[in-house]
Amino acid sequence: MLRFTHYSSSSEDARFHLIIAFALITWIPTGFLSLYEGNRLRAYLRDNHAQMWERITYSTTGMFNIHSIPFILSSEDLGDQNVRYLKSNFKRFWAFALTQFFFLFALSLVVLIG
């Protein structure tokens, strides 16, 4: 386990680099997973539920936007088990990403304030 007490006597630059390294190591894979999970749900909706896909994408790119959040957070599954499963994965992933974000914020406070 990494001990942050070692960094309390380090320069502020070294502590800042620790935070940046942690952020890069965790957020680059998180970004790719976000694209992957979002694309799985989006592609399934486009192929199997075109009317819902058109309603929530509102753009030529077909990417999710602010209009898709109510659908993603709702219990509406269009009577399709695959939609329920993909939405569940997407929501759990975002819960993980938000937890990671708040952990990084807390880590930043602990390490930089020291």
N, C-alpha and C. Protein backbone atom coordinates (compact mmCIF):
# COMPACT_ATOMS: atom_id res chain seq x y z
N MET A 1 0.84 -1.17 0.00
CA MET A 1 0.00 0.00 0.00
C MET A 1 0.89 1.24 0.00
N LEU A 2 0.52 2.19 -0.81
CA LEU A 2 1.28 3.43 -0.92
C LEU A 2 1.02 4.27 0.32
N ARG A 3 2.08 4.73 0.93
CA ARG A 3 1.93 5.56 2.13
C ARG A 3 2.12 7.01 1.75
N PHE A 4 1.10 7.80 2.00
CA PHE A 4 1.15 9.21 1.64
C PHE A 4 1.91 10.03 2.68
N THR A 5 2.23 9.43 3.84
CA THR A 5 2.97 10.18 4.84
C THR A 5 4.37 10.52 4.34
N HIS A 6 4.89 9.70 3.45
CA HIS A 6 6.19 9.97 2.86
C HIS A 6 6.18 11.28 2.08
N TYR A 7 5.06 11.58 1.45
CA TYR A 7 4.95 12.77 0.62
C TYR A 7 4.67 14.04 1.40
N SER A 8 4.35 13.93 2.68
CA SER A 8 4.08 15.14 3.45
C SER A 8 5.32 16.00 3.61
N SER A 9 6.51 15.39 3.58
CA SER A 9 7.74 16.17 3.67
C SER A 9 8.31 16.52 2.30
N SER A 10 7.65 16.07 1.23
CA SER A 10 8.12 16.35 -0.13
C SER A 10 7.70 17.74 -0.56
N SER A 11 8.29 18.16 -1.65
CA SER A 11 7.92 19.46 -2.19
C SER A 11 6.50 19.39 -2.74
N GLU A 12 5.92 20.55 -2.92
CA GLU A 12 4.55 20.61 -3.45
C GLU A 12 4.50 20.05 -4.87
N ASP A 13 5.57 20.24 -5.64
CA ASP A 13 5.61 19.71 -7.01
C ASP A 13 5.54 18.19 -7.01
N ALA A 14 6.27 17.54 -6.11
CA ALA A 14 6.25 16.07 -6.06
C ALA A 14 4.87 15.57 -5.68
N ARG A 15 4.21 16.25 -4.74
CA ARG A 15 2.86 15.84 -4.36
C ARG A 15 1.87 16.07 -5.49
N PHE A 16 2.04 17.15 -6.22
CA PHE A 16 1.16 17.43 -7.35
C PHE A 16 1.35 16.37 -8.43
N HIS A 17 2.59 15.95 -8.67
CA HIS A 17 2.86 14.91 -9.66
C HIS A 17 2.24 13.57 -9.26
N LEU A 18 2.17 13.29 -7.97
CA LEU A 18 1.51 12.08 -7.49
C LEU A 18 0.02 12.11 -7.86
N ILE A 19 -0.60 13.24 -7.67
CA ILE A 19 -2.02 13.37 -7.99
C ILE A 19 -2.24 13.24 -9.49
N ILE A 20 -1.40 13.88 -10.28
CA ILE A 20 -1.53 13.80 -11.74
C ILE A 20 -1.34 12.35 -12.22
N ALA A 21 -0.37 11.66 -11.66
CA ALA A 21 -0.14 10.26 -12.05
C ALA A 21 -1.37 9.41 -11.72
N PHE A 22 -1.91 9.60 -10.52
CA PHE A 22 -3.11 8.85 -10.14
C PHE A 22 -4.27 9.17 -11.08
N ALA A 23 -4.44 10.45 -11.40
CA ALA A 23 -5.53 10.86 -12.28
C ALA A 23 -5.39 10.23 -13.66
N LEU A 24 -4.19 10.25 -14.21
CA LEU A 24 -3.98 9.66 -15.54
C LEU A 24 -4.19 8.15 -15.54
N ILE A 25 -3.68 7.49 -14.52
CA ILE A 25 -3.79 6.04 -14.45
C ILE A 25 -5.25 5.61 -14.31
N THR A 26 -6.05 6.39 -13.62
CA THR A 26 -7.44 5.99 -13.42
C THR A 26 -8.39 6.56 -14.45
N TRP A 27 -8.16 7.78 -14.92
CA TRP A 27 -9.14 8.41 -15.80
C TRP A 27 -9.00 8.05 -17.27
N ILE A 28 -7.85 7.66 -17.74
CA ILE A 28 -7.73 7.24 -19.14
C ILE A 28 -8.53 5.96 -19.37
N PRO A 29 -8.37 4.92 -18.56
CA PRO A 29 -9.23 3.74 -18.75
C PRO A 29 -10.71 4.05 -18.53
N THR A 30 -11.01 4.92 -17.59
CA THR A 30 -12.40 5.29 -17.34
C THR A 30 -13.01 5.97 -18.55
N GLY A 31 -12.26 6.80 -19.22
CA GLY A 31 -12.76 7.45 -20.43
C GLY A 31 -13.05 6.46 -21.53
N PHE A 32 -12.16 5.50 -21.72
CA PHE A 32 -12.39 4.48 -22.74
C PHE A 32 -13.60 3.60 -22.38
N LEU A 33 -13.72 3.25 -21.11
CA LEU A 33 -14.88 2.45 -20.69
C LEU A 33 -16.17 3.22 -20.86
N SER A 34 -16.13 4.52 -20.63
CA SER A 34 -17.31 5.35 -20.82
C SER A 34 -17.76 5.31 -22.27
N LEU A 35 -16.83 5.47 -23.17
CA LEU A 35 -17.16 5.39 -24.59
C LEU A 35 -17.70 4.02 -24.97
N TYR A 36 -17.08 2.98 -24.45
CA TYR A 36 -17.50 1.62 -24.76
C TYR A 36 -18.92 1.34 -24.28
N GLU A 37 -19.20 1.63 -23.00
CA GLU A 37 -20.53 1.37 -22.45
C GLU A 37 -21.58 2.23 -23.13
N GLY A 38 -21.27 3.49 -23.36
CA GLY A 38 -22.21 4.37 -24.05
C GLY A 38 -22.50 3.91 -25.46
N ASN A 39 -21.47 3.47 -26.17
CA ASN A 39 -21.65 3.00 -27.54
C ASN A 39 -22.44 1.70 -27.60
N ARG A 40 -22.26 0.82 -26.62
CA ARG A 40 -23.04 -0.42 -26.59
C ARG A 40 -24.53 -0.11 -26.46
N LEU A 41 -24.87 0.76 -25.52
CA LEU A 41 -26.28 1.11 -25.32
C LEU A 41 -26.83 1.87 -26.53
N ARG A 42 -26.08 2.82 -27.01
CA ARG A 42 -26.51 3.63 -28.15
C ARG A 42 -26.73 2.77 -29.39
N ALA A 43 -25.80 1.88 -29.69
CA ALA A 43 -25.91 1.02 -30.87
C ALA A 43 -27.11 0.07 -30.74
N TYR A 44 -27.32 -0.46 -29.56
CA TYR A 44 -28.46 -1.35 -29.38
C TYR A 44 -29.78 -0.60 -29.58
N LEU A 45 -29.87 0.59 -29.01
CA LEU A 45 -31.08 1.38 -29.19
C LEU A 45 -31.28 1.75 -30.66
N ARG A 46 -30.22 2.13 -31.34
CA ARG A 46 -30.32 2.49 -32.75
C ARG A 46 -30.81 1.31 -33.60
N ASP A 47 -30.28 0.14 -33.32
CA ASP A 47 -30.63 -1.03 -34.12
C ASP A 47 -31.99 -1.63 -33.78
N ASN A 48 -32.41 -1.54 -32.52
CA ASN A 48 -33.61 -2.24 -32.09
C ASN A 48 -34.77 -1.35 -31.65
N HIS A 49 -34.47 -0.11 -31.31
CA HIS A 49 -35.51 0.81 -30.84
C HIS A 49 -35.24 2.19 -31.45
N ALA A 50 -35.40 2.28 -32.75
CA ALA A 50 -35.02 3.49 -33.50
C ALA A 50 -35.79 4.72 -33.03
N GLN A 51 -37.05 4.57 -32.68
CA GLN A 51 -37.83 5.73 -32.26
C GLN A 51 -37.28 6.32 -30.96
N MET A 52 -36.96 5.47 -30.01
CA MET A 52 -36.38 5.96 -28.74
C MET A 52 -35.00 6.55 -29.00
N TRP A 53 -34.21 5.92 -29.85
CA TRP A 53 -32.88 6.42 -30.16
C TRP A 53 -32.97 7.83 -30.75
N GLU A 54 -33.89 8.05 -31.68
CA GLU A 54 -34.05 9.38 -32.29
C GLU A 54 -34.51 10.40 -31.26
N ARG A 55 -35.36 9.96 -30.34
CA ARG A 55 -35.88 10.88 -29.32
C ARG A 55 -34.80 11.36 -28.35
N ILE A 56 -33.87 10.49 -28.01
CA ILE A 56 -32.90 10.88 -26.99
C ILE A 56 -31.57 11.37 -27.54
N THR A 57 -31.27 11.17 -28.82
CA THR A 57 -29.97 11.63 -29.33
C THR A 57 -30.02 13.05 -29.87
N TYR A 58 -31.05 13.45 -30.58
CA TYR A 58 -31.23 14.83 -31.06
C TYR A 58 -30.08 15.38 -31.86
N SER A 59 -29.27 14.57 -32.45
CA SER A 59 -28.15 15.12 -33.21
C SER A 59 -27.77 14.17 -34.33
N THR A 60 -27.00 14.67 -35.25
CA THR A 60 -26.57 13.82 -36.37
C THR A 60 -25.49 12.84 -35.95
N THR A 61 -24.78 13.13 -34.86
CA THR A 61 -23.74 12.21 -34.41
C THR A 61 -24.33 11.00 -33.71
N GLY A 62 -25.53 11.13 -33.18
CA GLY A 62 -26.14 10.02 -32.47
C GLY A 62 -25.57 9.79 -31.09
N MET A 63 -24.83 10.75 -30.56
CA MET A 63 -24.24 10.60 -29.24
C MET A 63 -25.26 10.99 -28.17
N PHE A 64 -25.11 10.42 -26.99
CA PHE A 64 -25.97 10.79 -25.89
C PHE A 64 -25.69 12.23 -25.48
N ASN A 65 -26.70 12.88 -24.99
CA ASN A 65 -26.56 14.26 -24.52
C ASN A 65 -27.46 14.46 -23.32
N ILE A 66 -27.68 15.69 -22.95
CA ILE A 66 -28.46 15.99 -21.75
C ILE A 66 -29.89 15.46 -21.86
N HIS A 67 -30.41 15.32 -23.06
CA HIS A 67 -31.78 14.83 -23.25
C HIS A 67 -31.89 13.32 -22.98
N SER A 68 -30.80 12.62 -22.97
CA SER A 68 -30.85 11.18 -22.75
C SER A 68 -30.79 10.80 -21.28
N ILE A 69 -30.42 11.72 -20.41
CA ILE A 69 -30.28 11.41 -18.99
C ILE A 69 -31.58 10.92 -18.36
N PRO A 70 -32.74 11.58 -18.60
CA PRO A 70 -33.96 11.05 -18.00
C PRO A 70 -34.27 9.60 -18.42
N PHE A 71 -34.02 9.27 -19.67
CA PHE A 71 -34.25 7.89 -20.11
C PHE A 71 -33.28 6.93 -19.43
N ILE A 72 -32.03 7.29 -19.35
CA ILE A 72 -31.03 6.40 -18.76
C ILE A 72 -31.30 6.18 -17.28
N LEU A 73 -31.73 7.22 -16.58
CA LEU A 73 -31.98 7.10 -15.14
C LEU A 73 -33.36 6.52 -14.82
N SER A 74 -34.25 6.48 -15.79
CA SER A 74 -35.60 5.96 -15.54
C SER A 74 -35.59 4.44 -15.48
N SER A 75 -36.72 3.88 -15.04
CA SER A 75 -36.86 2.43 -15.02
C SER A 75 -37.45 1.91 -16.33
N GLU A 76 -37.70 2.79 -17.27
CA GLU A 76 -38.25 2.41 -18.57
C GLU A 76 -37.24 1.54 -19.32
N ASP A 77 -37.69 0.34 -19.68
CA ASP A 77 -36.78 -0.56 -20.40
C ASP A 77 -37.32 -0.99 -21.75
N LEU A 78 -38.41 -0.36 -22.20
CA LEU A 78 -39.01 -0.61 -23.51
C LEU A 78 -39.44 -2.06 -23.68
N GLY A 79 -39.64 -2.76 -22.56
CA GLY A 79 -40.04 -4.17 -22.61
C GLY A 79 -38.94 -5.08 -23.12
N ASP A 80 -37.71 -4.66 -23.02
CA ASP A 80 -36.57 -5.39 -23.58
C ASP A 80 -35.55 -5.64 -22.47
N GLN A 81 -35.25 -6.91 -22.21
CA GLN A 81 -34.28 -7.27 -21.17
C GLN A 81 -32.88 -6.73 -21.48
N ASN A 82 -32.52 -6.69 -22.74
CA ASN A 82 -31.19 -6.18 -23.11
C ASN A 82 -31.05 -4.70 -22.79
N VAL A 83 -32.12 -3.93 -23.00
CA VAL A 83 -32.07 -2.50 -22.66
C VAL A 83 -31.90 -2.35 -21.15
N ARG A 84 -32.62 -3.15 -20.38
CA ARG A 84 -32.50 -3.09 -18.92
C ARG A 84 -31.06 -3.41 -18.50
N TYR A 85 -30.48 -4.44 -19.09
CA TYR A 85 -29.12 -4.85 -18.76
C TYR A 85 -28.11 -3.76 -19.14
N LEU A 86 -28.22 -3.22 -20.35
CA LEU A 86 -27.27 -2.20 -20.81
C LEU A 86 -27.40 -0.91 -20.01
N LYS A 87 -28.63 -0.52 -19.67
CA LYS A 87 -28.81 0.67 -18.84
C LYS A 87 -28.25 0.45 -17.44
N SER A 88 -28.43 -0.75 -16.91
CA SER A 88 -27.88 -1.06 -15.59
C SER A 88 -26.36 -0.97 -15.60
N ASN A 89 -25.73 -1.54 -16.63
CA ASN A 89 -24.27 -1.44 -16.76
C ASN A 89 -23.82 0.01 -16.85
N PHE A 90 -24.52 0.79 -17.66
CA PHE A 90 -24.17 2.19 -17.87
C PHE A 90 -24.28 2.97 -16.56
N LYS A 91 -25.36 2.75 -15.80
CA LYS A 91 -25.55 3.45 -14.53
C LYS A 91 -24.50 3.04 -13.49
N ARG A 92 -24.21 1.73 -13.43
CA ARG A 92 -23.18 1.28 -12.48
C ARG A 92 -21.81 1.85 -12.85
N PHE A 93 -21.52 1.93 -14.14
CA PHE A 93 -20.26 2.50 -14.55
C PHE A 93 -20.16 3.96 -14.13
N TRP A 94 -21.23 4.73 -14.33
CA TRP A 94 -21.19 6.14 -13.95
C TRP A 94 -21.12 6.33 -12.45
N ALA A 95 -21.72 5.43 -11.68
CA ALA A 95 -21.56 5.48 -10.22
C ALA A 95 -20.09 5.28 -9.85
N PHE A 96 -19.44 4.33 -10.52
CA PHE A 96 -18.01 4.10 -10.31
C PHE A 96 -17.19 5.33 -10.70
N ALA A 97 -17.51 5.93 -11.85
CA ALA A 97 -16.76 7.10 -12.32
C ALA A 97 -16.92 8.28 -11.36
N LEU A 98 -18.12 8.49 -10.84
CA LEU A 98 -18.33 9.58 -9.87
C LEU A 98 -17.60 9.31 -8.57
N THR A 99 -17.60 8.06 -8.14
CA THR A 99 -16.84 7.70 -6.93
C THR A 99 -15.36 7.98 -7.15
N GLN A 100 -14.87 7.63 -8.31
CA GLN A 100 -13.46 7.88 -8.64
C GLN A 100 -13.16 9.37 -8.64
N PHE A 101 -14.06 10.16 -9.19
CA PHE A 101 -13.88 11.61 -9.23
C PHE A 101 -13.81 12.19 -7.82
N PHE A 102 -14.74 11.81 -6.95
CA PHE A 102 -14.74 12.35 -5.59
C PHE A 102 -13.56 11.85 -4.78
N PHE A 103 -13.11 10.61 -5.04
CA PHE A 103 -11.91 10.12 -4.38
C PHE A 103 -10.70 10.94 -4.80
N LEU A 104 -10.61 11.25 -6.08
CA LEU A 104 -9.49 12.07 -6.56
C LEU A 104 -9.52 13.45 -5.92
N PHE A 105 -10.70 14.02 -5.78
CA PHE A 105 -10.83 15.32 -5.13
C PHE A 105 -10.38 15.24 -3.67
N ALA A 106 -10.83 14.21 -2.95
CA ALA A 106 -10.42 14.03 -1.55
C ALA A 106 -8.92 13.78 -1.45
N LEU A 107 -8.38 12.97 -2.33
CA LEU A 107 -6.95 12.70 -2.34
C LEU A 107 -6.17 13.98 -2.58
N SER A 108 -6.66 14.82 -3.48
CA SER A 108 -5.99 16.10 -3.76
C SER A 108 -5.94 16.97 -2.51
N LEU A 109 -7.04 17.02 -1.80
CA LEU A 109 -7.05 17.83 -0.57
C LEU A 109 -6.09 17.28 0.46
N VAL A 110 -6.09 15.98 0.64
CA VAL A 110 -5.22 15.36 1.64
C VAL A 110 -3.75 15.55 1.30
N VAL A 111 -3.40 15.33 0.04
CA VAL A 111 -2.00 15.37 -0.35
C VAL A 111 -1.49 16.80 -0.45
N LEU A 112 -2.26 17.70 -1.04
CA LEU A 112 -1.77 19.05 -1.24
C LEU A 112 -1.82 19.90 0.01
N ILE A 113 -2.85 19.71 0.84
CA ILE A 113 -2.92 20.48 2.07
C ILE A 113 -2.00 19.85 3.11
N GLY A 114 -1.93 18.56 3.06
CA GLY A 114 -0.95 17.82 3.75
C GLY A 114 -1.01 17.55 5.16
